[in-house]
Amino acid sequence: PWIVSASALGKDGAVAPSNRVTIGCIGMGGMGRYDMSALLGLPDVQVVAVCDPKRPAREAGQQQVDGHYGKSDCKAYNDFRELVSRNDIDAVSIASTDHWHALHALAAVRSGKDVYVEKPMTHNIFEGRKVVEAAAKYGRIVQHGTQLRSNPGFQEGINELKNGIIGDVYMARCVCYK
């Protein structure tokens, strides 16, 4: 007789593998690890692979995944093309170096993966249109991370600006604190 564990069937609070989204994460720097940590906290998601050309970042991401699941089967890649070519990955989270976002998103979509990509999604309108066209052509979902735009404080500030609370804006300055 075959014996199947309760977790494989989705019992006792476990999510059955057939109801789980498998994720590959490209980019294991600060934002990539932050995004991956959020994914690791979701019961119906399983991170199965990480990718980063920098070995220390790649290995740290792999160790984080393996530690979270208590296993040692997270695959680590130097080349993003190896990750996106896997048939067992449903979606890809992209938080690589900014100028690679569009290329990584296009490769993932063309290989049949849904995509979450950090900002900036692209560096210009042409690249953005290519990502949108590929998503439509291959029937994939592409989500672009713009977290602060949904923050209530930012929305309130934008509304105040639009309503003229501070008068006409003629100049804006920005400081990057990183």
Protein backbone atom coordinates (compact mmCIF):
# COMPACT_ATOMS: atom_id res chain seq x y z
CA PRO A 1 0.00 0.00 0.00
CA TRP A 2 0.99 3.58 -0.61
CA ILE A 3 1.19 5.84 2.40
CA VAL A 4 0.73 9.54 1.77
CA SER A 5 1.39 12.08 4.50
CA ALA A 6 -1.42 14.35 5.66
CA SER A 7 0.62 17.41 4.65
CA ALA A 8 0.86 16.15 1.06
CA LEU A 9 -2.93 16.06 0.97
CA GLY A 10 -3.30 19.52 2.49
CA LYS A 11 -4.61 18.32 5.85
CA ASP A 12 -3.78 19.40 9.38
CA GLY A 13 -3.34 23.02 8.29
CA ALA A 14 -0.78 22.23 5.58
CA VAL A 15 -1.07 23.51 2.02
CA ALA A 16 -1.02 20.72 -0.55
CA PRO A 17 1.82 21.02 -3.10
CA SER A 18 -0.76 21.34 -5.88
CA ASN A 19 -2.10 24.48 -4.18
CA ARG A 20 1.31 26.04 -3.56
CA VAL A 21 2.99 28.65 -5.77
CA THR A 22 6.67 27.93 -6.33
CA ILE A 23 8.90 30.97 -6.56
CA GLY A 24 12.39 31.72 -7.82
CA CYS A 25 14.02 34.92 -6.57
CA ILE A 26 16.46 36.88 -8.73
CA GLY A 27 18.59 39.38 -6.83
CA MET A 28 19.68 38.67 -3.27
CA GLY A 29 20.70 42.17 -2.22
CA GLY A 30 18.83 44.17 0.41
CA MET A 31 15.48 44.51 -1.38
CA GLY A 32 15.65 41.00 -2.81
CA ARG A 33 16.14 39.48 0.64
CA TYR A 34 13.38 41.71 2.03
CA ASP A 35 10.93 40.59 -0.66
CA MET A 36 11.98 36.97 -0.24
CA SER A 37 11.41 37.18 3.52
CA ALA A 38 7.84 38.31 2.86
CA LEU A 39 7.34 35.38 0.47
CA LEU A 40 8.73 32.92 3.02
CA GLY A 41 6.01 34.05 5.42
CA LEU A 42 3.19 32.99 3.08
CA PRO A 43 1.85 29.47 3.70
CA ASP A 44 0.81 28.87 0.08
CA VAL A 45 4.18 29.92 -1.38
CA GLN A 46 7.41 27.98 -1.53
CA VAL A 47 10.69 29.58 -2.54
CA VAL A 48 12.65 26.90 -4.40
CA ALA A 49 15.51 28.83 -6.00
CA VAL A 50 17.59 31.99 -5.66
CA CYS A 51 19.89 33.73 -8.11
CA ASP A 52 22.59 36.34 -7.77
CA PRO A 53 25.94 36.72 -9.58
CA LYS A 54 27.58 37.64 -6.26
CA ARG A 55 28.38 34.43 -4.43
CA PRO A 56 28.07 35.78 -0.85
CA ALA A 57 24.62 37.22 -1.58
CA ARG A 58 23.52 34.08 -3.43
CA GLU A 59 24.69 31.79 -0.62
CA ALA A 60 23.10 33.98 2.06
CA GLY A 61 19.77 33.82 0.23
CA GLN A 62 20.03 30.06 -0.17
CA GLN A 63 20.84 29.64 3.53
CA GLN A 64 17.87 31.83 4.48
CA VAL A 65 15.49 29.68 2.43
CA ASP A 66 16.95 26.38 3.61
CA GLY A 67 16.87 27.59 7.22
CA HIS A 68 13.26 28.68 6.92
CA TYR A 69 12.07 25.34 5.57
CA GLY A 70 14.48 23.23 7.61
CA LYS A 71 15.76 21.56 4.45
CA SER A 72 18.72 21.94 2.13
CA ASP A 73 17.07 21.79 -1.29
CA CYS A 74 16.94 25.44 -2.35
CA LYS A 75 18.92 25.68 -5.58
CA ALA A 76 21.23 28.69 -5.99
CA TYR A 77 22.10 30.04 -9.44
CA ASN A 78 24.70 32.45 -10.74
CA ASP A 79 22.89 32.78 -14.10
CA PHE A 80 19.24 33.90 -14.12
CA ARG A 81 18.59 31.96 -17.35
CA GLU A 82 19.04 28.69 -15.47
CA LEU A 83 16.45 29.73 -12.88
CA VAL A 84 13.81 30.88 -15.38
CA SER A 85 14.25 27.73 -17.49
CA ARG A 86 13.02 25.50 -14.65
CA ASN A 87 9.59 24.02 -15.36
CA ASP A 88 8.74 23.62 -11.68
CA ILE A 89 8.83 27.37 -10.93
CA ASP A 90 5.50 29.22 -11.24
CA ALA A 91 6.63 32.79 -10.62
CA VAL A 92 9.75 34.90 -10.26
CA SER A 93 10.47 37.76 -7.87
CA ILE A 94 12.96 40.23 -9.35
CA ALA A 95 14.99 42.64 -7.23
CA SER A 96 18.25 42.57 -9.13
CA THR A 97 20.35 45.58 -10.11
CA ASP A 98 17.99 48.16 -11.65
CA HIS A 99 19.30 48.02 -15.21
CA TRP A 100 18.63 44.25 -15.34
CA HIS A 101 14.95 44.36 -14.27
CA ALA A 102 13.47 44.49 -17.78
CA LEU A 103 15.73 41.74 -19.13
CA HIS A 104 14.98 39.45 -16.18
CA ALA A 105 11.24 40.14 -16.45
CA LEU A 106 11.21 39.42 -20.19
CA ALA A 107 13.13 36.17 -19.75
CA ALA A 108 10.78 35.02 -16.98
CA VAL A 109 7.61 35.90 -18.90
CA ARG A 110 8.87 34.24 -22.08
CA SER A 111 9.56 31.07 -20.10
CA GLY A 112 5.98 30.99 -18.78
CA LYS A 113 6.46 32.55 -15.36
CA ASP A 114 4.40 35.23 -13.65
CA VAL A 115 6.56 38.08 -12.35
CA TYR A 116 6.86 40.50 -9.47
CA VAL A 117 9.48 43.12 -10.31
CA GLU A 118 10.82 45.88 -8.09
CA LYS A 119 11.07 49.47 -9.15
CA PRO A 120 12.19 50.69 -11.51
CA MET A 121 10.62 48.07 -13.75
CA THR A 122 12.42 49.56 -16.73
CA HIS A 123 14.59 52.53 -17.58
CA ASN A 124 12.49 53.82 -20.44
CA ILE A 125 9.11 53.58 -22.12
CA PHE A 126 10.38 51.26 -24.87
CA GLU A 127 11.51 48.62 -22.34
CA GLY A 128 8.23 49.00 -20.43
CA ARG A 129 6.20 48.43 -23.57
CA LYS A 130 8.22 45.31 -24.37
CA VAL A 131 7.46 43.86 -20.93
CA VAL A 132 3.75 44.67 -21.31
CA GLU A 133 3.69 43.17 -24.82
CA ALA A 134 5.41 39.99 -23.63
CA ALA A 135 3.02 39.61 -20.69
CA ALA A 136 0.05 39.88 -23.08
CA LYS A 137 1.60 37.57 -25.67
CA TYR A 138 2.43 34.82 -23.17
CA GLY A 139 -0.62 35.34 -20.93
CA ARG A 140 1.43 36.09 -17.84
CA ILE A 141 0.91 38.40 -14.88
CA VAL A 142 3.52 41.10 -14.24
CA GLN A 143 3.26 43.14 -11.06
CA HIS A 144 5.46 46.17 -10.53
CA GLY A 145 6.36 47.06 -6.95
CA THR A 146 5.36 50.58 -6.03
CA GLN A 147 4.73 50.09 -2.33
CA LEU A 148 4.87 53.69 -1.16
CA ARG A 149 2.21 54.83 -3.62
CA SER A 150 -0.40 52.91 -1.62
CA ASN A 151 0.80 54.25 1.73
CA PRO A 152 -2.00 56.36 3.31
CA GLY A 153 0.43 59.10 4.34
CA PHE A 154 1.78 59.48 0.82
CA GLN A 155 -1.73 59.44 -0.65
CA GLU A 156 -2.81 62.16 1.76
CA GLY A 157 0.20 64.29 0.84
CA ILE A 158 -0.47 63.90 -2.91
CA ASN A 159 -4.12 64.83 -2.40
CA GLU A 160 -3.07 67.94 -0.47
CA LEU A 161 -0.70 68.90 -3.27
CA LYS A 162 -3.40 68.37 -5.90
CA ASN A 163 -5.88 70.42 -3.87
CA GLY A 164 -3.48 73.36 -3.63
CA ILE A 165 -3.02 73.25 0.15
CA ILE A 166 0.56 74.52 -0.16
CA GLY A 167 0.04 76.54 -3.33
CA ASP A 168 1.57 75.93 -6.72
CA VAL A 169 4.58 73.62 -6.73
CA TYR A 170 7.31 75.07 -8.90
CA MET A 171 10.29 73.05 -7.70
CA ALA A 172 11.01 69.79 -5.92
CA ARG A 173 14.27 68.47 -4.52
CA CYS A 174 15.11 64.96 -3.49
CA VAL A 175 17.81 63.51 -1.30
CA CYS A 176 18.80 59.85 -1.46
CA TYR A 177 19.80 58.86 2.05
CA LYS A 178 21.37 55.50 1.15
